[in-house]
Amino acid sequence: DSGAHLSTEVLYMQAASALEQGGLGQCSFCGRKFLCTRLEKHVSICSKSQGSKREVFDSSRARARGTELEQYQQWKSSERPQNKPPRRNNWRQKHEVFIQTLRQARQVQQVLSKGGKVSDLPPLPPIENPDYVACPYCRRRFAPQAAERHIPKCKTIKNKPPPPPQSRR
């Protein structure tokens, strides 16, 4: 134990003297700086570790190894679809709707502060979510998964109520 402690002190003293003399060298792989005496050892190890990528450790898979759960996890992972379609990024449209909503709320507050009635304001336009899918039969709008369930059912309905009125733009 005291030998390890002594070698740590020696390394610390070497590092202090190297800093004074500027005896630090930089690793060409990771860019870290080491004492020149330690740089060779580090470069040989760093070159090996830089060449190979480590697999991410999955502790749940390691725990399940050798049990009945392992077979279930393999079955479950083969069943899951791996390629999900990328989500459309429509943040700009959502931002514009948000700004419009804030302006309308400010307008309502101004009317109320002047003593007016909210009923005097024009009706607010409906906010349409661009992610929603319109049903071709009843023209209602649904989230994509709900639309997949709704559209086949709506197609077979015989006594359909009239579709909602179309909003003017």
N, C-alpha and C. Protein backbone atom coordinates (compact mmCIF):
# COMPACT_ATOMS: atom_id res chain seq x y z
N ASP A 1 0.83 -1.19 0.00
CA ASP A 1 0.00 0.00 0.00
C ASP A 1 0.87 1.24 0.00
N SER A 2 1.93 1.24 0.86
CA SER A 2 2.81 2.41 0.92
C SER A 2 3.60 2.55 -0.35
N GLY A 3 3.88 1.42 -1.05
CA GLY A 3 4.59 1.48 -2.33
C GLY A 3 3.75 2.18 -3.38
N ALA A 4 2.48 1.88 -3.40
CA ALA A 4 1.58 2.53 -4.35
C ALA A 4 1.45 4.01 -4.03
N HIS A 5 1.41 4.33 -2.73
CA HIS A 5 1.31 5.72 -2.31
C HIS A 5 2.57 6.48 -2.69
N LEU A 6 3.72 5.83 -2.56
CA LEU A 6 4.99 6.46 -2.89
C LEU A 6 5.07 6.72 -4.39
N SER A 7 4.65 5.76 -5.21
CA SER A 7 4.72 5.94 -6.65
C SER A 7 3.78 7.06 -7.10
N THR A 8 2.66 7.24 -6.41
CA THR A 8 1.75 8.33 -6.73
C THR A 8 2.42 9.67 -6.43
N GLU A 9 3.15 9.71 -5.31
CA GLU A 9 3.88 10.94 -4.98
C GLU A 9 4.95 11.23 -6.02
N VAL A 10 5.64 10.20 -6.45
CA VAL A 10 6.70 10.37 -7.46
C VAL A 10 6.08 10.89 -8.76
N LEU A 11 4.96 10.29 -9.17
CA LEU A 11 4.29 10.75 -10.40
C LEU A 11 3.83 12.20 -10.26
N TYR A 12 3.34 12.55 -9.09
CA TYR A 12 2.89 13.92 -8.85
C TYR A 12 4.06 14.90 -8.96
N MET A 13 5.20 14.50 -8.40
CA MET A 13 6.40 15.36 -8.47
C MET A 13 6.87 15.49 -9.92
N GLN A 14 6.83 14.37 -10.67
CA GLN A 14 7.23 14.42 -12.07
C GLN A 14 6.30 15.34 -12.87
N ALA A 15 5.00 15.27 -12.57
CA ALA A 15 4.04 16.11 -13.27
C ALA A 15 4.29 17.58 -12.97
N ALA A 16 4.59 17.90 -11.72
CA ALA A 16 4.86 19.29 -11.35
C ALA A 16 6.11 19.80 -12.04
N SER A 17 7.18 18.98 -12.08
CA SER A 17 8.41 19.42 -12.75
C SER A 17 8.20 19.51 -14.26
N ALA A 18 7.38 18.61 -14.82
CA ALA A 18 7.12 18.64 -16.26
C ALA A 18 6.33 19.88 -16.64
N LEU A 19 5.41 20.29 -15.79
CA LEU A 19 4.65 21.51 -16.06
C LEU A 19 5.57 22.72 -16.07
N GLU A 20 6.54 22.72 -15.15
CA GLU A 20 7.48 23.84 -15.09
C GLU A 20 8.36 23.86 -16.33
N GLN A 21 8.77 22.69 -16.80
CA GLN A 21 9.69 22.61 -17.94
C GLN A 21 8.94 22.52 -19.27
N GLY A 22 7.64 22.33 -19.21
CA GLY A 22 6.87 22.20 -20.45
C GLY A 22 7.03 20.82 -21.06
N GLY A 23 7.24 19.77 -20.25
CA GLY A 23 7.49 18.42 -20.74
C GLY A 23 6.23 17.61 -20.92
N LEU A 24 5.16 18.19 -21.42
CA LEU A 24 3.92 17.46 -21.68
C LEU A 24 3.80 17.23 -23.18
N GLY A 25 3.36 16.02 -23.52
CA GLY A 25 3.12 15.70 -24.92
C GLY A 25 1.65 15.41 -25.13
N GLN A 26 1.18 15.62 -26.36
CA GLN A 26 -0.24 15.45 -26.65
C GLN A 26 -0.45 14.16 -27.42
N CYS A 27 -1.49 13.42 -27.04
CA CYS A 27 -1.85 12.18 -27.73
C CYS A 27 -2.45 12.52 -29.09
N SER A 28 -2.00 11.82 -30.13
CA SER A 28 -2.49 12.11 -31.48
C SER A 28 -3.89 11.55 -31.71
N PHE A 29 -4.34 10.62 -30.85
CA PHE A 29 -5.66 10.02 -31.04
C PHE A 29 -6.75 10.79 -30.30
N CYS A 30 -6.53 11.06 -29.00
CA CYS A 30 -7.60 11.68 -28.22
C CYS A 30 -7.32 13.14 -27.87
N GLY A 31 -6.09 13.60 -28.07
CA GLY A 31 -5.77 15.00 -27.84
C GLY A 31 -5.46 15.34 -26.39
N ARG A 32 -5.45 14.36 -25.50
CA ARG A 32 -5.13 14.62 -24.10
C ARG A 32 -3.63 14.79 -23.94
N LYS A 33 -3.23 15.48 -22.89
CA LYS A 33 -1.81 15.74 -22.65
C LYS A 33 -1.30 14.88 -21.51
N PHE A 34 -0.10 14.33 -21.70
CA PHE A 34 0.51 13.46 -20.72
C PHE A 34 1.98 13.82 -20.56
N LEU A 35 2.57 13.33 -19.46
CA LEU A 35 4.02 13.43 -19.30
C LEU A 35 4.66 12.66 -20.44
N CYS A 36 5.80 13.14 -20.88
CA CYS A 36 6.46 12.47 -22.00
C CYS A 36 6.81 11.03 -21.65
N THR A 37 7.11 10.75 -20.38
CA THR A 37 7.44 9.39 -19.97
C THR A 37 6.23 8.48 -20.05
N ARG A 38 5.02 8.99 -19.91
CA ARG A 38 3.80 8.20 -19.93
C ARG A 38 3.11 8.22 -21.29
N LEU A 39 3.54 9.11 -22.16
CA LEU A 39 2.84 9.29 -23.44
C LEU A 39 2.91 8.04 -24.31
N GLU A 40 4.08 7.38 -24.37
CA GLU A 40 4.22 6.18 -25.20
C GLU A 40 3.22 5.11 -24.79
N LYS A 41 3.14 4.86 -23.49
CA LYS A 41 2.24 3.83 -22.97
C LYS A 41 0.79 4.19 -23.32
N HIS A 42 0.44 5.46 -23.13
CA HIS A 42 -0.94 5.88 -23.41
C HIS A 42 -1.26 5.75 -24.90
N VAL A 43 -0.36 6.16 -25.78
CA VAL A 43 -0.63 6.12 -27.22
C VAL A 43 -0.85 4.68 -27.67
N SER A 44 -0.07 3.72 -27.13
CA SER A 44 -0.25 2.33 -27.54
C SER A 44 -1.64 1.82 -27.12
N ILE A 45 -2.10 2.20 -25.94
CA ILE A 45 -3.43 1.77 -25.48
C ILE A 45 -4.53 2.53 -26.20
N CYS A 46 -4.34 3.82 -26.36
CA CYS A 46 -5.37 4.66 -26.99
C CYS A 46 -5.60 4.26 -28.45
N SER A 47 -4.52 3.86 -29.14
CA SER A 47 -4.68 3.48 -30.55
C SER A 47 -5.54 2.23 -30.67
N LYS A 48 -5.40 1.29 -29.71
CA LYS A 48 -6.22 0.08 -29.74
C LYS A 48 -7.68 0.41 -29.46
N SER A 49 -7.92 1.26 -28.47
CA SER A 49 -9.30 1.56 -28.09
C SER A 49 -10.00 2.44 -29.12
N GLN A 50 -9.26 3.26 -29.85
CA GLN A 50 -9.88 4.12 -30.86
C GLN A 50 -10.31 3.32 -32.08
N GLY A 51 -9.63 2.21 -32.33
CA GLY A 51 -9.94 1.41 -33.51
C GLY A 51 -11.20 0.59 -33.38
N SER A 52 -11.61 0.24 -32.16
CA SER A 52 -12.77 -0.62 -32.01
C SER A 52 -13.88 0.12 -31.26
N LYS A 53 -15.09 -0.03 -31.76
CA LYS A 53 -16.25 0.56 -31.11
C LYS A 53 -16.85 -0.45 -30.16
N ARG A 54 -17.13 -0.03 -28.94
CA ARG A 54 -17.73 -0.93 -27.95
C ARG A 54 -19.23 -0.97 -28.16
N GLU A 55 -19.78 -2.17 -27.97
CA GLU A 55 -21.23 -2.33 -28.06
C GLU A 55 -21.85 -1.80 -26.77
N VAL A 56 -23.00 -1.15 -26.89
CA VAL A 56 -23.68 -0.61 -25.73
C VAL A 56 -24.17 -1.76 -24.87
N PHE A 57 -23.87 -1.71 -23.58
CA PHE A 57 -24.24 -2.79 -22.67
C PHE A 57 -25.70 -2.66 -22.30
N ASP A 58 -26.43 -3.75 -22.48
CA ASP A 58 -27.84 -3.78 -22.14
C ASP A 58 -28.00 -4.68 -20.92
N SER A 59 -28.22 -4.07 -19.76
CA SER A 59 -28.28 -4.84 -18.52
C SER A 59 -29.50 -5.75 -18.47
N SER A 60 -30.61 -5.33 -19.06
CA SER A 60 -31.81 -6.19 -19.02
C SER A 60 -31.58 -7.46 -19.84
N ARG A 61 -30.87 -7.35 -20.95
CA ARG A 61 -30.57 -8.54 -21.74
C ARG A 61 -29.59 -9.45 -21.00
N ALA A 62 -28.62 -8.84 -20.31
CA ALA A 62 -27.66 -9.63 -19.55
C ALA A 62 -28.34 -10.37 -18.40
N ARG A 63 -29.31 -9.73 -17.74
CA ARG A 63 -30.03 -10.38 -16.65
C ARG A 63 -30.89 -11.52 -17.17
N ALA A 64 -31.44 -11.36 -18.36
CA ALA A 64 -32.35 -12.36 -18.90
C ALA A 64 -31.62 -13.55 -19.50
N ARG A 65 -30.32 -13.43 -19.73
CA ARG A 65 -29.56 -14.49 -20.37
C ARG A 65 -29.64 -15.78 -19.54
N GLY A 66 -30.01 -16.87 -20.21
CA GLY A 66 -30.09 -18.16 -19.54
C GLY A 66 -31.42 -18.42 -18.87
N THR A 67 -32.40 -17.55 -19.03
CA THR A 67 -33.71 -17.74 -18.42
C THR A 67 -34.77 -17.84 -19.52
N GLU A 68 -36.00 -18.10 -19.10
CA GLU A 68 -37.10 -18.15 -20.07
C GLU A 68 -37.39 -16.79 -20.67
N LEU A 69 -37.04 -15.76 -19.94
CA LEU A 69 -37.29 -14.39 -20.42
C LEU A 69 -36.50 -14.08 -21.68
N GLU A 70 -35.35 -14.73 -21.86
CA GLU A 70 -34.51 -14.47 -23.04
C GLU A 70 -35.26 -14.83 -24.32
N GLN A 71 -35.97 -15.96 -24.33
CA GLN A 71 -36.72 -16.37 -25.51
C GLN A 71 -37.84 -15.38 -25.80
N TYR A 72 -38.50 -14.91 -24.75
CA TYR A 72 -39.58 -13.95 -24.92
C TYR A 72 -39.06 -12.64 -25.51
N GLN A 73 -37.90 -12.17 -25.04
CA GLN A 73 -37.34 -10.91 -25.55
C GLN A 73 -36.95 -11.04 -27.01
N GLN A 74 -36.40 -12.20 -27.39
CA GLN A 74 -36.03 -12.40 -28.80
C GLN A 74 -37.27 -12.41 -29.68
N TRP A 75 -38.34 -13.05 -29.20
CA TRP A 75 -39.58 -13.10 -29.96
C TRP A 75 -40.18 -11.71 -30.08
N LYS A 76 -40.15 -10.94 -29.00
CA LYS A 76 -40.72 -9.61 -28.97
C LYS A 76 -39.95 -8.67 -29.90
N SER A 77 -38.61 -8.76 -29.90
CA SER A 77 -37.81 -7.85 -30.73
C SER A 77 -37.97 -8.16 -32.21
N SER A 78 -38.19 -9.43 -32.58
CA SER A 78 -38.39 -9.76 -34.00
C SER A 78 -39.75 -9.30 -34.48
N GLU A 79 -40.72 -9.18 -33.55
CA GLU A 79 -42.07 -8.77 -33.91
C GLU A 79 -42.18 -7.27 -34.12
N ARG A 80 -41.37 -6.49 -33.43
CA ARG A 80 -41.45 -5.04 -33.45
C ARG A 80 -40.94 -4.48 -34.78
N PRO A 81 -41.66 -3.58 -35.42
CA PRO A 81 -41.16 -2.99 -36.67
C PRO A 81 -39.99 -2.05 -36.37
N GLN A 82 -38.91 -2.23 -37.10
CA GLN A 82 -37.70 -1.46 -36.85
C GLN A 82 -37.68 -0.14 -37.60
N ASN A 83 -38.32 -0.10 -38.75
CA ASN A 83 -38.24 1.12 -39.57
C ASN A 83 -39.52 1.94 -39.42
N LYS A 84 -39.47 2.92 -38.54
CA LYS A 84 -40.61 3.82 -38.37
C LYS A 84 -40.44 4.98 -39.34
N PRO A 85 -41.53 5.44 -39.93
CA PRO A 85 -41.38 6.57 -40.84
C PRO A 85 -40.99 7.82 -40.04
N PRO A 86 -40.11 8.64 -40.59
CA PRO A 86 -39.69 9.84 -39.86
C PRO A 86 -40.86 10.81 -39.68
N ARG A 87 -40.92 11.40 -38.52
CA ARG A 87 -42.00 12.35 -38.25
C ARG A 87 -41.75 13.65 -39.00
N ARG A 88 -42.84 14.19 -39.52
CA ARG A 88 -42.71 15.48 -40.21
C ARG A 88 -42.51 16.56 -39.16
N ASN A 89 -41.62 17.47 -39.47
CA ASN A 89 -41.33 18.56 -38.54
C ASN A 89 -42.11 19.78 -39.00
N ASN A 90 -43.21 20.05 -38.35
CA ASN A 90 -44.05 21.19 -38.74
C ASN A 90 -44.09 22.22 -37.63
N TRP A 91 -42.95 22.47 -37.01
CA TRP A 91 -42.90 23.40 -35.89
C TRP A 91 -43.27 24.81 -36.32
N ARG A 92 -42.96 25.17 -37.54
CA ARG A 92 -43.25 26.53 -37.99
C ARG A 92 -44.76 26.78 -38.05
N GLN A 93 -45.51 25.79 -38.55
CA GLN A 93 -46.97 25.93 -38.59
C GLN A 93 -47.54 26.02 -37.18
N LYS A 94 -47.04 25.18 -36.28
CA LYS A 94 -47.52 25.22 -34.90
C LYS A 94 -47.17 26.55 -34.25
N HIS A 95 -46.01 27.07 -34.57
CA HIS A 95 -45.59 28.36 -34.02
C HIS A 95 -46.51 29.48 -34.50
N GLU A 96 -46.84 29.46 -35.79
CA GLU A 96 -47.73 30.49 -36.33
C GLU A 96 -49.11 30.42 -35.68
N VAL A 97 -49.62 29.21 -35.47
CA VAL A 97 -50.92 29.05 -34.81
C VAL A 97 -50.85 29.58 -33.39
N PHE A 98 -49.74 29.30 -32.71
CA PHE A 98 -49.55 29.78 -31.34
C PHE A 98 -49.53 31.31 -31.29
N ILE A 99 -48.80 31.94 -32.20
CA ILE A 99 -48.74 33.41 -32.27
C ILE A 99 -50.13 33.97 -32.54
N GLN A 100 -50.86 33.35 -33.46
CA GLN A 100 -52.21 33.80 -33.80
C GLN A 100 -53.14 33.70 -32.58
N THR A 101 -53.01 32.63 -31.83
CA THR A 101 -53.83 32.45 -30.63
C THR A 101 -53.52 33.52 -29.60
N LEU A 102 -52.25 33.84 -29.42
CA LEU A 102 -51.86 34.89 -28.47
C LEU A 102 -52.43 36.25 -28.89
N ARG A 103 -52.38 36.54 -30.18
CA ARG A 103 -52.92 37.83 -30.67
C ARG A 103 -54.43 37.91 -30.44
N GLN A 104 -55.11 36.81 -30.69
CA GLN A 104 -56.56 36.79 -30.47
C GLN A 104 -56.89 36.97 -28.99
N ALA A 105 -56.11 36.33 -28.12
CA ALA A 105 -56.35 36.47 -26.67
C ALA A 105 -56.10 37.90 -26.23
N ARG A 106 -55.07 38.53 -26.78
CA ARG A 106 -54.77 39.92 -26.45
C ARG A 106 -55.91 40.84 -26.92
N GLN A 107 -56.46 40.53 -28.10
CA GLN A 107 -57.56 41.32 -28.63
C GLN A 107 -58.80 41.19 -27.73
N VAL A 108 -59.06 40.00 -27.24
CA VAL A 108 -60.19 39.78 -26.34
C VAL A 108 -59.98 40.57 -25.04
N GLN A 109 -58.76 40.53 -24.51
CA GLN A 109 -58.46 41.26 -23.28
C GLN A 109 -58.67 42.77 -23.47
N GLN A 110 -58.27 43.29 -24.62
CA GLN A 110 -58.44 44.72 -24.89
C GLN A 110 -59.93 45.08 -24.94
N VAL A 111 -60.73 44.25 -25.59
CA VAL A 111 -62.17 44.52 -25.69
C VAL A 111 -62.79 44.49 -24.30
N LEU A 112 -62.41 43.51 -23.48
CA LEU A 112 -62.96 43.40 -22.13
C LEU A 112 -62.53 44.57 -21.25
N SER A 113 -61.28 45.03 -21.39
CA SER A 113 -60.80 46.14 -20.56
C SER A 113 -61.49 47.45 -20.93
N LYS A 114 -61.93 47.59 -22.18
CA LYS A 114 -62.64 48.80 -22.60
C LYS A 114 -64.13 48.73 -22.27
N GLY A 115 -64.56 47.61 -21.71
CA GLY A 115 -65.98 47.47 -21.33
C GLY A 115 -66.83 46.84 -22.41
N GLY A 116 -66.23 46.31 -23.44
CA GLY A 116 -66.99 45.68 -24.52
C GLY A 116 -67.40 44.26 -24.18
N LYS A 117 -68.12 43.64 -25.08
CA LYS A 117 -68.57 42.27 -24.90
C LYS A 117 -67.77 41.36 -25.82
N VAL A 118 -67.53 40.16 -25.36
CA VAL A 118 -66.81 39.18 -26.18
C VAL A 118 -67.66 38.78 -27.38
N SER A 119 -68.98 38.84 -27.22
CA SER A 119 -69.86 38.45 -28.33
C SER A 119 -69.78 39.43 -29.49
N ASP A 120 -69.23 40.64 -29.25
CA ASP A 120 -69.07 41.62 -30.34
C ASP A 120 -67.91 41.25 -31.27
N LEU A 121 -66.99 40.43 -30.79
CA LEU A 121 -65.83 40.04 -31.61
C LEU A 121 -66.25 39.04 -32.68
N PRO A 122 -65.54 39.02 -33.79
CA PRO A 122 -65.83 38.00 -34.81
C PRO A 122 -65.48 36.62 -34.27
N PRO A 123 -66.14 35.57 -34.77
CA PRO A 123 -65.83 34.22 -34.27
C PRO A 123 -64.40 33.82 -34.64
N LEU A 124 -63.80 33.04 -33.76
CA LEU A 124 -62.42 32.60 -33.99
C LEU A 124 -62.39 31.53 -35.06
N PRO A 125 -61.38 31.59 -35.94
CA PRO A 125 -61.28 30.54 -36.96
C PRO A 125 -60.87 29.23 -36.32
N PRO A 126 -61.32 28.10 -36.85
CA PRO A 126 -60.95 26.81 -36.26
C PRO A 126 -59.46 26.54 -36.48
N ILE A 127 -58.86 25.94 -35.49
CA ILE A 127 -57.44 25.60 -35.59
C ILE A 127 -57.36 24.16 -36.07
N GLU A 128 -56.69 23.98 -37.21
CA GLU A 128 -56.57 22.64 -37.78
C GLU A 128 -55.16 22.12 -37.55
N ASN A 129 -55.08 20.91 -37.06
CA ASN A 129 -53.80 20.27 -36.84
C ASN A 129 -53.32 19.68 -38.17
N PRO A 130 -52.15 20.08 -38.67
CA PRO A 130 -51.70 19.57 -39.97
C PRO A 130 -51.33 18.10 -39.95
N ASP A 131 -51.16 17.52 -38.75
CA ASP A 131 -50.83 16.10 -38.65
C ASP A 131 -52.06 15.22 -38.86
N TYR A 132 -53.25 15.78 -38.74
CA TYR A 132 -54.47 15.00 -38.82
C TYR A 132 -54.79 14.64 -40.27
N VAL A 133 -55.47 13.51 -40.44
CA VAL A 133 -55.85 13.01 -41.76
C VAL A 133 -57.36 13.18 -41.91
N ALA A 134 -57.79 13.72 -43.04
CA ALA A 134 -59.22 13.93 -43.28
C ALA A 134 -59.84 12.64 -43.83
N CYS A 135 -61.00 12.29 -43.28
CA CYS A 135 -61.75 11.14 -43.77
C CYS A 135 -62.41 11.54 -45.09
N PRO A 136 -62.26 10.77 -46.17
CA PRO A 136 -62.87 11.16 -47.46
C PRO A 136 -64.39 11.02 -47.47
N TYR A 137 -64.97 10.31 -46.50
CA TYR A 137 -66.41 10.06 -46.50
C TYR A 137 -67.17 11.10 -45.67
N CYS A 138 -66.66 11.41 -44.47
CA CYS A 138 -67.39 12.35 -43.61
C CYS A 138 -66.63 13.66 -43.42
N ARG A 139 -65.44 13.76 -43.94
CA ARG A 139 -64.59 14.96 -43.90
C ARG A 139 -64.15 15.35 -42.49
N ARG A 140 -64.33 14.46 -41.51
CA ARG A 140 -63.79 14.74 -40.18
C ARG A 140 -62.30 14.44 -40.20
N ARG A 141 -61.59 15.04 -39.24
CA ARG A 141 -60.13 14.88 -39.21
C ARG A 141 -59.73 14.06 -38.00
N PHE A 142 -58.75 13.15 -38.21
CA PHE A 142 -58.32 12.25 -37.15
C PHE A 142 -56.80 12.16 -37.13
N ALA A 143 -56.28 11.75 -35.97
CA ALA A 143 -54.86 11.41 -35.87
C ALA A 143 -54.60 10.22 -36.78
N PRO A 144 -53.36 10.04 -37.27
CA PRO A 144 -53.12 8.99 -38.27
C PRO A 144 -53.59 7.60 -37.86
N GLN A 145 -53.32 7.17 -36.64
CA GLN A 145 -53.73 5.82 -36.23
C GLN A 145 -55.25 5.72 -36.09
N ALA A 146 -55.86 6.77 -35.57
CA ALA A 146 -57.32 6.77 -35.45
C ALA A 146 -57.97 6.79 -36.83
N ALA A 147 -57.34 7.48 -37.79
CA ALA A 147 -57.88 7.52 -39.15
C ALA A 147 -57.85 6.14 -39.78
N GLU A 148 -56.80 5.37 -39.50
CA GLU A 148 -56.72 4.01 -40.05
C GLU A 148 -57.87 3.16 -39.55
N ARG A 149 -58.30 3.38 -38.31
CA ARG A 149 -59.42 2.61 -37.77
C ARG A 149 -60.76 3.15 -38.27
N HIS A 150 -60.86 4.48 -38.38
CA HIS A 150 -62.14 5.12 -38.70
C HIS A 150 -62.55 4.95 -40.16
N ILE A 151 -61.66 5.20 -41.08
CA ILE A 151 -62.02 5.27 -42.50
C ILE A 151 -62.69 3.99 -43.00
N PRO A 152 -62.18 2.78 -42.69
CA PRO A 152 -62.90 1.58 -43.16
C PRO A 152 -64.31 1.47 -42.56
N LYS A 153 -64.48 1.88 -41.32
CA LYS A 153 -65.81 1.83 -40.70
C LYS A 153 -66.74 2.84 -41.34
N CYS A 154 -66.23 4.04 -41.58
CA CYS A 154 -67.05 5.12 -42.15
C CYS A 154 -67.48 4.77 -43.58
N LYS A 155 -66.65 4.02 -44.26
CA LYS A 155 -66.96 3.65 -45.64
C LYS A 155 -68.21 2.77 -45.71
N THR A 156 -68.41 1.95 -44.69
CA THR A 156 -69.53 1.00 -44.74
C THR A 156 -70.80 1.52 -44.07
N ILE A 157 -70.78 2.70 -43.46
CA ILE A 157 -71.97 3.24 -42.80
C ILE A 157 -72.98 3.66 -43.86
N LYS A 158 -74.22 3.20 -43.69
CA LYS A 158 -75.25 3.50 -44.70
C LYS A 158 -75.98 4.81 -44.41
N ASN A 159 -76.41 5.01 -43.18
CA ASN A 159 -77.14 6.23 -42.83
C ASN A 159 -76.17 7.23 -42.20
N LYS A 160 -75.47 7.93 -43.07
CA LYS A 160 -74.48 8.89 -42.59
C LYS A 160 -75.15 10.21 -42.27
N PRO A 161 -74.76 10.85 -41.18
CA PRO A 161 -75.22 12.22 -40.95
C PRO A 161 -74.54 13.15 -41.95
N PRO A 162 -75.08 14.32 -42.18
CA PRO A 162 -74.45 15.22 -43.15
C PRO A 162 -73.07 15.64 -42.62
N PRO A 163 -72.12 15.85 -43.54
CA PRO A 163 -70.77 16.24 -43.11
C PRO A 163 -70.78 17.63 -42.48
N PRO A 164 -69.80 17.91 -41.62
CA PRO A 164 -69.73 19.24 -41.00
C PRO A 164 -69.51 20.31 -42.06
N PRO A 165 -69.96 21.54 -41.80
CA PRO A 165 -69.78 22.60 -42.81
C PRO A 165 -68.30 22.89 -43.00
N GLN A 166 -67.97 23.19 -44.25
CA GLN A 166 -66.58 23.51 -44.59
C GLN A 166 -66.24 24.92 -44.11
N SER A 167 -65.05 25.05 -43.55
CA SER A 167 -64.61 26.38 -43.11
C SER A 167 -64.02 27.13 -44.29
N ARG A 168 -64.34 28.41 -44.39
CA ARG A 168 -63.82 29.22 -45.49
C ARG A 168 -62.46 29.75 -45.14
N ARG A 169 -61.60 29.82 -46.11
CA ARG A 169 -60.23 30.34 -45.87
C ARG A 169 -59.93 31.46 -46.78
